[in-house]
Amino acid sequence: MELPAYFGVGSNLGDRLGYLARACEMLYSAPGLTRHAVSRVYETEPWGLAEQPAFLNCVVRAFTDLDPDGLLALARRIEGTLGRERSAEDVRWGPRTIDVDILMVGDLVVNRSDLVIPHPRMWERSFVLIPLLDLEPEMRAPDRRSLHAFVQDLPDRNGVRRVCADLQGVFDGAENRLDQ
């Protein structure tokens, strides 16, 4: 059975938009993912470690029959292909060419040392929730408020700015067509 999977995609080094586009292309062509959609692109202040360049972020939705390990392997493969290196010395929330996070997969709950679904901090982050709102305007937050109302209460919401960049063309025939 296919479940909706949501990926947070971000970059703050090098050709940020190029890295986002390439990651979206790789998600589009990945076996096991279908019916893709992508949010608008947003520029956001860094979260956690402030002394670094601003990020570009988007959210991708795809339906999948992949299990959590398959989704994690896909995210790591995309990151590795696009130059992200993970090591014990990595700075948490530090700069990166690309970051592909699994945000949610249907109602699936995974709680392991290497993977937590839903993403444990997604409900704290405007840079995740505002793009998610593009794709799922009817979604409810864990407290059952509308996602829109929930976002209004987040302290970092004003640090998320829509940019004039469009990744819609990456997903040839994608379901969503967002107003520009």
Protein backbone atom coordinates (compact mmCIF):
# COMPACT_ATOMS: atom_id res chain seq x y z
CA MET A 1 0.00 0.00 0.00
CA GLU A 2 1.36 3.40 -0.95
CA LEU A 3 1.64 6.01 1.79
CA PRO A 4 2.31 9.74 1.41
CA ALA A 5 5.92 10.49 2.33
CA TYR A 6 7.14 14.02 2.99
CA PHE A 7 10.78 15.06 2.63
CA GLY A 8 12.28 18.31 3.87
CA VAL A 9 15.03 19.41 1.48
CA GLY A 10 17.49 22.19 2.31
CA SER A 11 20.81 23.67 1.22
CA ASN A 12 22.97 26.56 2.39
CA LEU A 13 26.28 26.03 0.59
CA GLY A 14 27.25 26.60 -3.03
CA ASP A 15 24.51 26.65 -5.67
CA ARG A 16 21.68 26.25 -3.18
CA LEU A 17 18.87 26.24 -5.74
CA GLY A 18 20.84 23.87 -7.95
CA TYR A 19 21.27 21.43 -5.07
CA LEU A 20 17.54 21.61 -4.29
CA ALA A 21 16.65 21.00 -7.92
CA ARG A 22 19.03 18.06 -8.23
CA ALA A 23 17.70 16.48 -5.00
CA CYS A 24 14.13 16.89 -6.30
CA GLU A 25 15.13 15.32 -9.62
CA MET A 26 16.62 12.36 -7.77
CA LEU A 27 13.46 11.94 -5.69
CA TYR A 28 11.39 12.11 -8.88
CA SER A 29 13.40 9.39 -10.59
CA ALA A 30 13.74 7.13 -7.53
CA PRO A 31 12.09 3.70 -7.81
CA GLY A 32 9.30 3.30 -5.28
CA LEU A 33 8.17 6.95 -5.31
CA THR A 34 5.20 8.13 -7.37
CA ARG A 35 2.76 11.05 -7.68
CA HIS A 36 5.25 13.75 -6.69
CA ALA A 37 4.58 17.33 -5.63
CA VAL A 38 6.92 20.08 -4.46
CA SER A 39 6.31 23.23 -2.45
CA ARG A 40 7.51 26.68 -3.28
CA VAL A 41 11.11 27.50 -2.35
CA TYR A 42 11.78 29.52 0.80
CA GLU A 43 14.89 31.22 2.13
CA THR A 44 15.29 30.82 5.86
CA GLU A 45 17.59 31.88 8.60
CA PRO A 46 19.78 29.06 9.96
CA TRP A 47 18.26 27.02 12.77
CA GLY A 48 20.40 25.99 15.70
CA LEU A 49 23.80 27.32 14.63
CA ALA A 50 23.30 30.94 13.54
CA GLU A 51 26.79 31.72 12.16
CA GLN A 52 26.29 30.25 8.69
CA PRO A 53 24.65 31.20 5.37
CA ALA A 54 20.87 31.26 4.95
CA PHE A 55 19.16 28.10 3.69
CA LEU A 56 16.88 27.47 0.77
CA ASN A 57 14.19 24.95 1.73
CA CYS A 58 11.28 23.11 0.19
CA VAL A 59 9.12 20.10 0.97
CA VAL A 60 8.52 17.22 -1.44
CA ARG A 61 5.57 14.84 -1.21
CA ALA A 62 5.61 11.49 -2.95
CA PHE A 63 3.59 8.33 -2.47
CA THR A 64 5.65 5.28 -1.67
CA ASP A 65 5.60 1.60 -0.85
CA LEU A 66 9.20 1.74 0.39
CA ASP A 67 9.82 0.79 4.00
CA PRO A 68 11.59 3.20 6.40
CA ASP A 69 15.01 1.65 5.71
CA GLY A 70 14.49 2.10 1.97
CA LEU A 71 13.50 5.74 2.46
CA LEU A 72 16.48 6.39 4.73
CA ALA A 73 18.85 4.75 2.24
CA LEU A 74 17.38 6.91 -0.55
CA ALA A 75 17.78 10.13 1.47
CA ARG A 76 21.39 9.24 2.36
CA ARG A 77 22.19 8.28 -1.24
CA ILE A 78 20.89 11.64 -2.50
CA GLU A 79 22.90 13.50 0.13
CA GLY A 80 26.05 11.53 -0.67
CA THR A 81 25.68 12.04 -4.42
CA LEU A 82 25.32 15.79 -3.87
CA GLY A 83 28.45 16.06 -1.74
CA ARG A 84 27.18 15.81 1.80
CA GLU A 85 29.65 14.02 3.98
CA ARG A 86 28.66 12.72 7.38
CA SER A 87 31.26 12.18 10.06
CA ALA A 88 31.57 12.06 13.82
CA GLU A 89 32.93 15.63 13.68
CA ASP A 90 29.86 17.03 11.89
CA VAL A 91 28.49 20.14 13.53
CA ARG A 92 24.85 19.57 14.42
CA TRP A 93 22.68 21.93 12.36
CA GLY A 94 25.80 23.12 10.54
CA PRO A 95 26.21 24.21 6.92
CA ARG A 96 25.63 21.64 4.18
CA THR A 97 25.32 21.30 0.43
CA ILE A 98 22.12 19.31 0.87
CA ASP A 99 19.93 17.93 3.62
CA VAL A 100 17.14 15.45 2.90
CA ASP A 101 15.01 14.72 5.96
CA ILE A 102 12.14 12.25 6.12
CA LEU A 103 9.40 14.29 7.79
CA MET A 104 6.40 11.95 7.80
CA VAL A 105 5.23 8.76 6.11
CA GLY A 106 1.48 8.40 6.47
CA ASP A 107 0.75 7.60 10.13
CA LEU A 108 3.92 5.55 10.45
CA VAL A 109 5.88 5.90 13.69
CA VAL A 110 9.54 4.86 13.86
CA ASN A 111 11.72 5.50 16.90
CA ARG A 112 15.25 4.20 16.41
CA SER A 113 18.69 5.65 17.00
CA ASP A 114 19.22 6.16 13.26
CA LEU A 115 15.70 7.21 12.25
CA VAL A 116 12.71 8.91 13.89
CA ILE A 117 9.44 9.31 11.96
CA PRO A 118 7.70 11.71 12.22
CA HIS A 119 10.73 13.98 12.32
CA PRO A 120 11.15 14.87 16.00
CA ARG A 121 11.51 18.64 15.51
CA MET A 122 9.37 19.32 12.45
CA TRP A 123 6.55 20.89 14.51
CA GLU A 124 9.02 23.46 15.89
CA ARG A 125 10.30 24.63 12.52
CA SER A 126 8.61 27.19 10.31
CA PHE A 127 11.05 26.36 7.51
CA VAL A 128 9.43 22.91 7.37
CA LEU A 129 5.81 23.78 8.13
CA ILE A 130 5.37 26.76 5.80
CA PRO A 131 6.45 24.73 2.71
CA LEU A 132 4.35 21.80 3.99
CA LEU A 133 1.37 24.16 4.12
CA ASP A 134 1.81 24.73 0.35
CA LEU A 135 1.21 21.02 -0.22
CA GLU A 136 -1.26 20.22 2.56
CA PRO A 137 -3.39 23.28 3.37
CA GLU A 138 -5.97 21.10 5.14
CA MET A 139 -3.45 19.30 7.38
CA ARG A 140 -3.93 19.38 11.13
CA ALA A 141 -1.16 19.87 13.66
CA PRO A 142 -0.78 17.37 16.53
CA ASP A 143 -2.92 19.65 18.72
CA ARG A 144 -5.70 19.40 16.05
CA ARG A 145 -5.47 23.07 15.06
CA SER A 146 -5.16 23.83 11.39
CA LEU A 147 -1.59 23.83 10.17
CA HIS A 148 -2.05 27.47 9.18
CA ALA A 149 -3.09 28.46 12.73
CA PHE A 150 -0.28 26.40 14.21
CA VAL A 151 2.34 28.16 12.05
CA GLN A 152 1.08 31.58 13.17
CA ASP A 153 2.22 30.78 16.72
CA LEU A 154 5.78 29.78 15.79
CA PRO A 155 8.37 32.37 16.82
CA ASP A 156 10.55 31.88 13.71
CA ARG A 157 7.80 32.23 11.07
CA ASN A 158 8.96 35.71 10.02
CA GLY A 159 12.40 34.33 9.16
CA VAL A 160 10.90 32.29 6.28
CA ARG A 161 10.75 34.21 2.98
CA ARG A 162 9.38 32.90 -0.30
CA VAL A 163 11.88 33.29 -3.12
CA CYS A 164 11.18 33.68 -6.81
CA ALA A 165 12.36 30.20 -7.71
CA ASP A 166 10.26 27.43 -9.12
CA LEU A 167 10.96 23.71 -8.86
CA GLN A 168 7.63 22.71 -10.42
CA GLY A 169 9.35 21.88 -13.69
CA VAL A 170 11.51 19.27 -11.97
CA PHE A 171 8.46 17.04 -11.59
CA ASP A 172 7.19 16.69 -15.14
CA GLY A 173 3.47 16.18 -14.71
CA ALA A 174 3.45 16.75 -10.93
CA GLU A 175 0.01 16.96 -9.35
CA ASN A 176 0.42 20.37 -7.80
CA ARG A 177 0.49 23.64 -9.59
CA LEU A 178 1.09 26.41 -7.11
CA ASP A 179 0.21 30.00 -7.91
CA GLN A 180 3.37 31.95 -8.57
